[in-house]
Amino acid sequence: MSLTVGMGPFGQRPGGEFNFELPRTKGLIYFEDSPRRIRARLGGETVVDSRRPKLLHEHGHLPVYYFPRDEVRMDLLEPSAKRTHCPFKGDASYWSVRAGGKLAPDAVWGYPAPVPEAPPIADHLAFYWHSMDEWLEEDEVAIVHARDPYHRVDVLPTSRHVRVSAAGEVLAESRRPLALFETGLPTRWYFTAEDVRTDRLTSSDTRTGCAYKGFASYWSLDDEDDLVWSYPEPRAGMESIRDRLAFFNERVDIDVDGERQERPVTQWSRGPRARS
């Protein structure tokens, strides 16, 4: 999630309301400095080591790091024949990366002559995240995608009475769940295994990654695939949700203190596989 994705204020389905009509959201771009040192490696070689990265926020997209050319190992880049066009940024040129005996084709792009309305991106290059073997944010491994500085995740213990059911069958119930509040997403309720009908769940081979929480494992219920997830090895700061189970609010009935919650509509409404 971010300012420009999902339920964010400039996303596809804003979760709130402005006091005026926005002139437009499609094509909205915000380009800003990041104070974080960012590195990327391929084949054991450092391809970019930036202390002056920029973050580009664009409507409908997760934020992307753009790096000054002088912080990129240009000697490891090979010009590519690939070209693309963005009406809001201009014509993009591409490069492949050859490092440490590995080749990452069309992994890097830039806009050498951006359109006049674009932010000052002409002397910067961006990387497809998954084209590199490893990313570091300062000295911590970064996963999945660039983290958004406006994204927040809070996990709080609560004594609220939360019940989860599907087709009238109670699947989880607790007065001691954890409430996870994450920017742009509905509240997620994390239960101990003792408070969940785990006998009704079947382990799935689906795995997904979250830049903020870690890598998740999934369980299915009858013909409802990947309805429940857990983080067996959460990221630093998220340790309290380790091995707890959460349900997609979008696909089950949830009662909080006896009040039925409206099912939200998000990119997760059809499950993690459908999202991709």
C-alpha atoms as a PDB file:
ATOM      1  CA  MET A   1       0.000   0.000   0.000  1.00  0.00           C
ATOM      2  CA  SER A   2       1.013   3.615  -0.455  1.00  0.00           C
ATOM      3  CA  LEU A   3      -0.338   7.092  -1.059  1.00  0.00           C
ATOM      4  CA  THR A   4      -1.065   6.176  -4.675  1.00  0.00           C
ATOM      5  CA  VAL A   5      -2.334   2.566  -4.503  1.00  0.00           C
ATOM      6  CA  GLY A   6      -5.529   0.860  -3.310  1.00  0.00           C
ATOM      7  CA  MET A   7      -7.303   2.731  -0.506  1.00  0.00           C
ATOM      8  CA  GLY A   8      -4.562   5.384  -0.212  1.00  0.00           C
ATOM      9  CA  PRO A   9      -5.652   9.025  -0.673  1.00  0.00           C
ATOM     10  CA  PHE A  10      -4.475   9.079  -4.307  1.00  0.00           C
ATOM     11  CA  GLY A  11      -5.163   5.391  -5.008  1.00  0.00           C
ATOM     12  CA  GLN A  12      -7.785   3.611  -7.075  1.00  0.00           C
ATOM     13  CA  ARG A  13     -10.287   3.360  -4.168  1.00  0.00           C
ATOM     14  CA  PRO A  14      -9.538   6.126  -1.639  1.00  0.00           C
ATOM     15  CA  GLY A  15     -10.659   5.198   1.854  1.00  0.00           C
ATOM     16  CA  GLY A  16     -11.566   8.790   2.769  1.00  0.00           C
ATOM     17  CA  GLU A  17     -12.930  11.971   1.256  1.00  0.00           C
ATOM     18  CA  PHE A  18     -11.370  15.291   0.263  1.00  0.00           C
ATOM     19  CA  ASN A  19     -13.118  18.632   0.744  1.00  0.00           C
ATOM     20  CA  PHE A  20     -12.652  19.484  -2.924  1.00  0.00           C
ATOM     21  CA  GLU A  21     -12.673  17.632  -6.220  1.00  0.00           C
ATOM     22  CA  LEU A  22      -9.229  16.558  -7.321  1.00  0.00           C
ATOM     23  CA  PRO A  23      -8.353  17.853 -10.807  1.00  0.00           C
ATOM     24  CA  ARG A  24      -7.079  14.366 -11.661  1.00  0.00           C
ATOM     25  CA  THR A  25      -5.489  11.299 -10.117  1.00  0.00           C
ATOM     26  CA  LYS A  26      -4.447   9.309 -13.182  1.00  0.00           C
ATOM     27  CA  GLY A  27      -0.906  10.296 -14.033  1.00  0.00           C
ATOM     28  CA  LEU A  28      -0.368  11.937 -10.649  1.00  0.00           C
ATOM     29  CA  ILE A  29       3.364  11.769  -9.808  1.00  0.00           C
ATOM     30  CA  TYR A  30       5.250  12.821  -6.689  1.00  0.00           C
ATOM     31  CA  PHE A  31       9.071  12.715  -6.775  1.00  0.00           C
ATOM     32  CA  GLU A  32      10.968  13.138  -3.507  1.00  0.00           C
ATOM     33  CA  ASP A  33      14.325  12.672  -1.823  1.00  0.00           C
ATOM     34  CA  SER A  34      14.880   9.626   0.371  1.00  0.00           C
ATOM     35  CA  PRO A  35      17.342   9.839   3.285  1.00  0.00           C
ATOM     36  CA  ARG A  36      18.053   6.074   3.186  1.00  0.00           C
ATOM     37  CA  ARG A  37      21.134   4.410   1.762  1.00  0.00           C
ATOM     38  CA  ILE A  38      19.959   1.863  -0.812  1.00  0.00           C
ATOM     39  CA  ARG A  39      22.057  -0.878  -2.410  1.00  0.00           C
ATOM     40  CA  ALA A  40      21.327  -3.608  -4.952  1.00  0.00           C
ATOM     41  CA  ARG A  41      23.444  -6.650  -5.745  1.00  0.00           C
ATOM     42  CA  LEU A  42      23.579  -9.155  -8.585  1.00  0.00           C
ATOM     43  CA  GLY A  43      25.893 -12.154  -8.635  1.00  0.00           C
ATOM     44  CA  GLY A  44      27.601 -10.878  -5.508  1.00  0.00           C
ATOM     45  CA  GLU A  45      28.489  -7.517  -7.096  1.00  0.00           C
ATOM     46  CA  THR A  46      27.051  -4.201  -5.959  1.00  0.00           C
ATOM     47  CA  VAL A  47      25.292  -2.646  -8.958  1.00  0.00           C
ATOM     48  CA  VAL A  48      23.991   0.463  -7.215  1.00  0.00           C
ATOM     49  CA  ASP A  49      25.056   2.067  -3.933  1.00  0.00           C
ATOM     50  CA  SER A  50      23.048   5.219  -3.406  1.00  0.00           C
ATOM     51  CA  ARG A  51      23.076   7.765  -0.621  1.00  0.00           C
ATOM     52  CA  ARG A  52      20.913  10.159  -2.659  1.00  0.00           C
ATOM     53  CA  PRO A  53      18.057   8.002  -3.951  1.00  0.00           C
ATOM     54  CA  LYS A  54      14.725   9.437  -5.020  1.00  0.00           C
ATOM     55  CA  LEU A  55      11.297   7.880  -4.584  1.00  0.00           C
ATOM     56  CA  LEU A  56       8.759   8.222  -7.361  1.00  0.00           C
ATOM     57  CA  HIS A  57       5.119   7.847  -6.312  1.00  0.00           C
ATOM     58  CA  GLU A  58       2.700   7.398  -9.216  1.00  0.00           C
ATOM     59  CA  HIS A  59      -1.052   6.833  -9.243  1.00  0.00           C
ATOM     60  CA  GLY A  60      -1.869   3.121  -9.330  1.00  0.00           C
ATOM     61  CA  HIS A  61       1.720   2.010  -8.695  1.00  0.00           C
ATOM     62  CA  LEU A  62       3.885   1.215  -5.699  1.00  0.00           C
ATOM     63  CA  PRO A  63       6.745   3.669  -5.108  1.00  0.00           C
ATOM     64  CA  VAL A  64       9.938   3.078  -7.089  1.00  0.00           C
ATOM     65  CA  TYR A  65      13.494   4.140  -6.315  1.00  0.00           C
ATOM     66  CA  TYR A  66      15.249   6.267  -8.929  1.00  0.00           C
ATOM     67  CA  PHE A  67      19.032   6.569  -8.589  1.00  0.00           C
ATOM     68  CA  PRO A  68      21.448   9.257  -9.838  1.00  0.00           C
ATOM     69  CA  ARG A  69      23.552   7.828 -12.674  1.00  0.00           C
ATOM     70  CA  ASP A  70      26.792   8.494 -10.812  1.00  0.00           C
ATOM     71  CA  GLU A  71      25.676   6.068  -8.084  1.00  0.00           C
ATOM     72  CA  VAL A  72      25.018   3.242 -10.554  1.00  0.00           C
ATOM     73  CA  ARG A  73      27.756   0.942 -11.870  1.00  0.00           C
ATOM     74  CA  MET A  74      27.272   1.988 -15.490  1.00  0.00           C
ATOM     75  CA  ASP A  75      30.163  -0.307 -16.497  1.00  0.00           C
ATOM     76  CA  LEU A  76      27.906  -3.260 -15.604  1.00  0.00           C
ATOM     77  CA  LEU A  77      25.019  -2.001 -17.775  1.00  0.00           C
ATOM     78  CA  GLU A  78      24.504  -2.945 -21.416  1.00  0.00           C
ATOM     79  CA  PRO A  79      22.110  -0.933 -23.642  1.00  0.00           C
ATOM     80  CA  SER A  80      18.967  -2.849 -24.600  1.00  0.00           C
ATOM     81  CA  ALA A  81      16.760  -2.589 -27.653  1.00  0.00           C
ATOM     82  CA  LYS A  82      13.664  -2.374 -25.461  1.00  0.00           C
ATOM     83  CA  ARG A  83      11.694   0.885 -25.477  1.00  0.00           C
ATOM     84  CA  THR A  84       8.429   1.843 -23.790  1.00  0.00           C
ATOM     85  CA  HIS A  85       6.312   4.981 -23.631  1.00  0.00           C
ATOM     86  CA  CYS A  86       4.570   6.565 -20.652  1.00  0.00           C
ATOM     87  CA  PRO A  87       2.266   9.510 -21.433  1.00  0.00           C
ATOM     88  CA  PHE A  88       3.178  11.093 -18.091  1.00  0.00           C
ATOM     89  CA  LYS A  89       6.947  10.565 -18.141  1.00  0.00           C
ATOM     90  CA  GLY A  90       8.003  10.071 -21.752  1.00  0.00           C
ATOM     91  CA  ASP A  91       9.981   7.467 -23.714  1.00  0.00           C
ATOM     92  CA  ALA A  92      11.993   5.009 -21.620  1.00  0.00           C
ATOM     93  CA  SER A  93      15.294   3.431 -22.609  1.00  0.00           C
ATOM     94  CA  TYR A  94      16.437   0.148 -21.064  1.00  0.00           C
ATOM     95  CA  TRP A  95      19.658  -1.564 -20.013  1.00  0.00           C
ATOM     96  CA  SER A  96      20.535  -5.124 -19.057  1.00  0.00           C
ATOM     97  CA  VAL A  97      22.845  -5.824 -16.128  1.00  0.00           C
ATOM     98  CA  ARG A  98      25.745  -8.260 -16.355  1.00  0.00           C
ATOM     99  CA  ALA A  99      27.478  -8.873 -13.025  1.00  0.00           C
ATOM    100  CA  GLY A 100      29.075 -11.762 -11.154  1.00  0.00           C
ATOM    101  CA  GLY A 101      28.483 -14.128 -14.034  1.00  0.00           C
ATOM    102  CA  LYS A 102      24.757 -13.340 -14.140  1.00  0.00           C
ATOM    103  CA  LEU A 103      22.646 -11.477 -16.696  1.00  0.00           C
ATOM    104  CA  ALA A 104      19.489  -9.554 -15.798  1.00  0.00           C
ATOM    105  CA  PRO A 105      17.913  -8.574 -19.135  1.00  0.00           C
ATOM    106  CA  ASP A 106      16.067  -5.253 -19.454  1.00  0.00           C
ATOM    107  CA  ALA A 107      16.445  -4.734 -15.701  1.00  0.00           C
ATOM    108  CA  VAL A 108      17.054  -0.977 -15.706  1.00  0.00           C
ATOM    109  CA  TRP A 109      15.197   1.898 -17.285  1.00  0.00           C
ATOM    110  CA  GLY A 110      15.403   5.654 -17.506  1.00  0.00           C
ATOM    111  CA  TYR A 111      13.847   8.646 -19.252  1.00  0.00           C
ATOM    112  CA  PRO A 112      16.684  10.568 -20.978  1.00  0.00           C
ATOM    113  CA  ALA A 113      14.265  13.172 -22.380  1.00  0.00           C
ATOM    114  CA  PRO A 114      11.135  13.189 -20.178  1.00  0.00           C
ATOM    115  CA  VAL A 115       8.020  15.107 -21.172  1.00  0.00           C
ATOM    116  CA  PRO A 116       7.942  18.723 -19.898  1.00  0.00           C
ATOM    117  CA  GLU A 117       5.329  17.942 -17.221  1.00  0.00           C
ATOM    118  CA  ALA A 118       7.379  15.097 -15.722  1.00  0.00           C
ATOM    119  CA  PRO A 119       9.456  15.550 -12.563  1.00  0.00           C
ATOM    120  CA  PRO A 120      13.260  15.932 -12.963  1.00  0.00           C
ATOM    121  CA  ILE A 121      14.024  12.264 -13.681  1.00  0.00           C
ATOM    122  CA  ALA A 122      16.291  12.695 -16.741  1.00  0.00           C
ATOM    123  CA  ASP A 123      19.536  11.847 -14.939  1.00  0.00           C
ATOM    124  CA  HIS A 124      18.141   8.984 -12.865  1.00  0.00           C
ATOM    125  CA  LEU A 125      17.754   5.247 -13.410  1.00  0.00           C
ATOM    126  CA  ALA A 126      15.298   2.747 -11.921  1.00  0.00           C
ATOM    127  CA  PHE A 127      15.542  -1.033 -11.469  1.00  0.00           C
ATOM    128  CA  TYR A 128      12.991  -3.829 -11.603  1.00  0.00           C
ATOM    129  CA  TRP A 129      13.145  -5.005  -8.000  1.00  0.00           C
ATOM    130  CA  HIS A 130      13.082  -8.747  -8.703  1.00  0.00           C
ATOM    131  CA  SER A 131      15.817  -8.473 -11.333  1.00  0.00           C
ATOM    132  CA  MET A 132      18.406  -8.103  -8.558  1.00  0.00           C
ATOM    133  CA  ASP A 133      19.505 -10.853  -6.161  1.00  0.00           C
ATOM    134  CA  GLU A 134      19.436  -8.670  -3.063  1.00  0.00           C
ATOM    135  CA  TRP A 135      18.465  -5.211  -1.869  1.00  0.00           C
ATOM    136  CA  LEU A 136      19.700  -3.465   1.259  1.00  0.00           C
ATOM    137  CA  GLU A 137      18.031  -0.557   3.040  1.00  0.00           C
ATOM    138  CA  GLU A 138      20.901   0.790   5.132  1.00  0.00           C
ATOM    139  CA  ASP A 139      22.264  -2.602   6.364  1.00  0.00           C
ATOM    140  CA  GLU A 140      18.949  -4.454   6.514  1.00  0.00           C
ATOM    141  CA  VAL A 141      17.789  -6.756   3.745  1.00  0.00           C
ATOM    142  CA  ALA A 142      14.794  -5.250   1.923  1.00  0.00           C
ATOM    143  CA  ILE A 143      12.218  -7.556   0.336  1.00  0.00           C
ATOM    144  CA  VAL A 144       9.421  -7.499  -2.278  1.00  0.00           C
ATOM    145  CA  HIS A 145       9.452  -3.777  -3.187  1.00  0.00           C
ATOM    146  CA  ALA A 146      10.572  -0.365  -1.984  1.00  0.00           C
ATOM    147  CA  ARG A 147       9.027   0.539   1.344  1.00  0.00           C
ATOM    148  CA  ASP A 148       6.822   3.617   1.362  1.00  0.00           C
ATOM    149  CA  PRO A 149       7.729   6.224   4.016  1.00  0.00           C
ATOM    150  CA  TYR A 150       4.028   7.076   4.326  1.00  0.00           C
ATOM    151  CA  HIS A 151       3.060   3.474   5.035  1.00  0.00           C
ATOM    152  CA  ARG A 152       2.523   2.484   8.654  1.00  0.00           C
ATOM    153  CA  VAL A 153       1.796  -0.811  10.399  1.00  0.00           C
ATOM    154  CA  ASP A 154       0.685  -0.864  14.046  1.00  0.00           C
ATOM    155  CA  VAL A 155      -0.050  -4.073  15.965  1.00  0.00           C
ATOM    156  CA  LEU A 156      -2.041  -3.592  19.173  1.00  0.00           C
ATOM    157  CA  PRO A 157      -3.425  -6.047  21.720  1.00  0.00           C
ATOM    158  CA  THR A 158      -7.154  -5.659  22.246  1.00  0.00           C
ATOM    159  CA  SER A 159      -9.901  -7.078  24.447  1.00  0.00           C
ATOM    160  CA  ARG A 160     -12.562  -6.596  21.775  1.00  0.00           C
ATOM    161  CA  HIS A 161     -14.704  -9.655  21.117  1.00  0.00           C
ATOM    162  CA  VAL A 162     -13.984 -10.744  17.549  1.00  0.00           C
ATOM    163  CA  ARG A 163     -15.774 -13.639  15.845  1.00  0.00           C
ATOM    164  CA  VAL A 164     -15.042 -14.945  12.347  1.00  0.00           C
ATOM    165  CA  SER A 165     -17.556 -17.119  10.514  1.00  0.00           C
ATOM    166  CA  ALA A 166     -18.228 -18.465   7.033  1.00  0.00           C
ATOM    167  CA  ALA A 167     -21.595 -19.804   5.868  1.00  0.00           C
ATOM    168  CA  GLY A 168     -22.767 -19.541   9.481  1.00  0.00           C
ATOM    169  CA  GLU A 169     -19.926 -21.666  10.882  1.00  0.00           C
ATOM    170  CA  VAL A 170     -17.718 -20.030  13.513  1.00  0.00           C
ATOM    171  CA  LEU A 171     -14.070 -20.383  12.516  1.00  0.00           C
ATOM    172  CA  ALA A 172     -12.386 -18.188  15.110  1.00  0.00           C
ATOM    173  CA  GLU A 173     -13.439 -16.349  18.243  1.00  0.00           C
ATOM    174  CA  SER A 174     -11.420 -14.430  20.789  1.00  0.00           C
ATOM    175  CA  ARG A 175     -11.346 -11.623  23.335  1.00  0.00           C
ATOM    176  CA  ARG A 176      -7.564 -11.459  23.028  1.00  0.00           C
ATOM    177  CA  PRO A 177      -6.736 -10.986  19.343  1.00  0.00           C
ATOM    178  CA  LEU A 178      -4.147  -8.600  17.979  1.00  0.00           C
ATOM    179  CA  ALA A 179      -5.462  -5.750  15.835  1.00  0.00           C
ATOM    180  CA  LEU A 180      -3.176  -4.903  12.927  1.00  0.00           C
ATOM    181  CA  PHE A 181      -3.734  -1.453  11.443  1.00  0.00           C
ATOM    182  CA  GLU A 182      -1.987  -0.989   8.091  1.00  0.00           C
ATOM    183  CA  THR A 183      -2.124   2.031   5.808  1.00  0.00           C
ATOM    184  CA  GLY A 184      -4.758   1.626   3.114  1.00  0.00           C
ATOM    185  CA  LEU A 185      -6.067  -1.744   4.324  1.00  0.00           C
ATOM    186  CA  PRO A 186      -8.934  -2.854   6.581  1.00  0.00           C
ATOM    187  CA  THR A 187      -8.110  -3.831  10.159  1.00  0.00           C
ATOM    188  CA  ARG A 188      -6.721  -7.364  10.273  1.00  0.00           C
ATOM    189  CA  TRP A 189      -7.380  -9.531  13.327  1.00  0.00           C
ATOM    190  CA  TYR A 190      -4.632 -11.980  14.303  1.00  0.00           C
ATOM    191  CA  PHE A 191      -5.650 -14.969  16.447  1.00  0.00           C
ATOM    192  CA  THR A 192      -3.681 -17.549  18.402  1.00  0.00           C
ATOM    193  CA  ALA A 193      -4.056 -21.055  16.968  1.00  0.00           C
ATOM    194  CA  GLU A 194      -6.033 -22.048  20.091  1.00  0.00           C
ATOM    195  CA  ASP A 195      -8.757 -19.570  19.123  1.00  0.00           C
ATOM    196  CA  VAL A 196      -9.114 -20.880  15.550  1.00  0.00           C
ATOM    197  CA  ARG A 197     -10.796 -24.002  14.163  1.00  0.00           C
ATOM    198  CA  THR A 198      -7.509 -25.207  12.689  1.00  0.00           C
ATOM    199  CA  ASP A 199      -9.057 -28.650  12.143  1.00  0.00           C
ATOM    200  CA  ARG A 200     -11.136 -27.050   9.370  1.00  0.00           C
ATOM    201  CA  LEU A 201      -8.101 -25.606   7.570  1.00  0.00           C
ATOM    202  CA  THR A 202      -5.907 -27.230   4.923  1.00  0.00           C
ATOM    203  CA  SER A 203      -2.345 -26.078   4.312  1.00  0.00           C
ATOM    204  CA  SER A 204      -1.746 -24.375   0.940  1.00  0.00           C
ATOM    205  CA  ASP A 205       1.425 -24.122  -1.118  1.00  0.00           C
ATOM    206  CA  THR A 206       0.801 -20.396  -1.696  1.00  0.00           C
ATOM    207  CA  ARG A 207       3.440 -18.002  -0.386  1.00  0.00           C
ATOM    208  CA  THR A 208       3.442 -14.220  -0.625  1.00  0.00           C
ATOM    209  CA  GLY A 209       5.785 -11.486   0.542  1.00  0.00           C
ATOM    210  CA  CYS A 210       5.111  -8.187   2.281  1.00  0.00           C
ATOM    211  CA  ALA A 211       7.838  -5.548   2.402  1.00  0.00           C
ATOM    212  CA  TYR A 212       6.724  -4.605   5.916  1.00  0.00           C
ATOM    213  CA  LYS A 213       5.733  -7.910   7.560  1.00  0.00           C
ATOM    214  CA  GLY A 214       7.686 -10.673   5.799  1.00  0.00           C
ATOM    215  CA  PHE A 215       6.712 -13.851   3.950  1.00  0.00           C
ATOM    216  CA  ALA A 216       3.298 -15.422   4.578  1.00  0.00           C
ATOM    217  CA  SER A 217       2.045 -19.020   4.497  1.00  0.00           C
ATOM    218  CA  TYR A 218      -1.614 -19.835   3.695  1.00  0.00           C
ATOM    219  CA  TRP A 219      -4.465 -22.202   4.545  1.00  0.00           C
ATOM    220  CA  SER A 220      -7.702 -22.972   2.687  1.00  0.00           C
ATOM    221  CA  LEU A 221     -11.199 -23.819   3.887  1.00  0.00           C
ATOM    222  CA  ASP A 222     -13.113 -26.316   1.748  1.00  0.00           C
ATOM    223  CA  ASP A 223     -13.307 -24.681  -1.708  1.00  0.00           C
ATOM    224  CA  GLU A 224     -12.205 -21.274  -0.386  1.00  0.00           C
ATOM    225  CA  ASP A 225      -8.549 -21.188  -1.388  1.00  0.00           C
ATOM    226  CA  ASP A 226      -5.993 -19.252   0.672  1.00  0.00           C
ATOM    227  CA  LEU A 227      -8.495 -17.804   3.116  1.00  0.00           C
ATOM    228  CA  VAL A 228      -6.145 -17.679   6.106  1.00  0.00           C
ATOM    229  CA  TRP A 229      -2.501 -16.629   6.450  1.00  0.00           C
ATOM    230  CA  SER A 230       0.292 -16.467   8.972  1.00  0.00           C
ATOM    231  CA  TYR A 231       3.834 -15.086   9.237  1.00  0.00           C
ATOM    232  CA  PRO A 232       6.121 -17.793  10.656  1.00  0.00           C
ATOM    233  CA  GLU A 233       9.182 -15.507  10.483  1.00  0.00           C
ATOM    234  CA  PRO A 234       7.941 -11.892  10.563  1.00  0.00           C
ATOM    235  CA  ARG A 235      10.241  -8.936   9.981  1.00  0.00           C
ATOM    236  CA  ALA A 236      11.803  -6.922  12.777  1.00  0.00           C
ATOM    237  CA  GLY A 237       9.152  -4.979  14.665  1.00  0.00           C
ATOM    238  CA  MET A 238       6.406  -7.432  13.696  1.00  0.00           C
ATOM    239  CA  GLU A 239       7.417 -10.266  16.048  1.00  0.00           C
ATOM    240  CA  SER A 240       4.110 -10.166  17.942  1.00  0.00           C
ATOM    241  CA  ILE A 241       2.205 -11.638  14.958  1.00  0.00           C
ATOM    242  CA  ARG A 242       4.511 -14.663  14.651  1.00  0.00           C
ATOM    243  CA  ASP A 243       2.455 -17.829  13.950  1.00  0.00           C
ATOM    244  CA  ARG A 244      -0.855 -16.045  14.563  1.00  0.00           C
ATOM    245  CA  LEU A 245      -3.638 -16.611  12.055  1.00  0.00           C
ATOM    246  CA  ALA A 246      -5.582 -13.944  10.163  1.00  0.00           C
ATOM    247  CA  PHE A 247      -8.585 -14.134   7.826  1.00  0.00           C
ATOM    248  CA  PHE A 248      -9.400 -12.078   4.747  1.00  0.00           C
ATOM    249  CA  ASN A 249     -12.132  -9.683   5.930  1.00  0.00           C
ATOM    250  CA  GLU A 250     -13.133  -9.496   2.281  1.00  0.00           C
ATOM    251  CA  ARG A 251     -14.201 -13.176   2.201  1.00  0.00           C
ATOM    252  CA  VAL A 252     -15.590 -14.024   5.650  1.00  0.00           C
ATOM    253  CA  ASP A 253     -18.092 -12.566   8.105  1.00  0.00           C
ATOM    254  CA  ILE A 254     -16.520 -10.737  11.035  1.00  0.00           C
ATOM    255  CA  ASP A 255     -18.382  -9.537  14.112  1.00  0.00           C
ATOM    256  CA  VAL A 256     -16.626  -7.100  16.449  1.00  0.00           C
ATOM    257  CA  ASP A 257     -18.274  -6.610  19.845  1.00  0.00           C
ATOM    258  CA  GLY A 258     -21.443  -8.097  18.376  1.00  0.00           C
ATOM    259  CA  GLU A 259     -21.539  -5.793  15.337  1.00  0.00           C
ATOM    260  CA  ARG A 260     -21.273  -7.303  11.860  1.00  0.00           C
ATOM    261  CA  GLN A 261     -18.530  -5.612   9.826  1.00  0.00           C
ATOM    262  CA  GLU A 262     -19.053  -4.668   6.207  1.00  0.00           C
ATOM    263  CA  ARG A 263     -16.922  -6.724   3.850  1.00  0.00           C
ATOM    264  CA  PRO A 264     -14.367  -4.363   2.278  1.00  0.00           C
ATOM    265  CA  VAL A 265     -13.459  -4.445  -1.392  1.00  0.00           C
ATOM    266  CA  THR A 266      -9.705  -4.486  -1.949  1.00  0.00           C
ATOM    267  CA  GLN A 267      -7.138  -6.021  -4.265  1.00  0.00           C
ATOM    268  CA  TRP A 268      -7.298  -9.057  -1.953  1.00  0.00           C
ATOM    269  CA  SER A 269     -11.037  -9.678  -2.425  1.00  0.00           C
ATOM    270  CA  ARG A 270     -10.379 -12.735  -4.620  1.00  0.00           C
ATOM    271  CA  GLY A 271      -7.352 -13.935  -2.671  1.00  0.00           C
ATOM    272  CA  PRO A 272      -3.575 -13.598  -3.034  1.00  0.00           C
ATOM    273  CA  ARG A 273      -3.340 -15.661  -6.233  1.00  0.00           C
ATOM    274  CA  ALA A 274      -5.955 -13.563  -8.031  1.00  0.00           C
ATOM    275  CA  ARG A 275      -4.086 -10.395  -7.014  1.00  0.00           C
ATOM    276  CA  SER A 276      -1.146 -11.303  -9.252  1.00  0.00           C
END
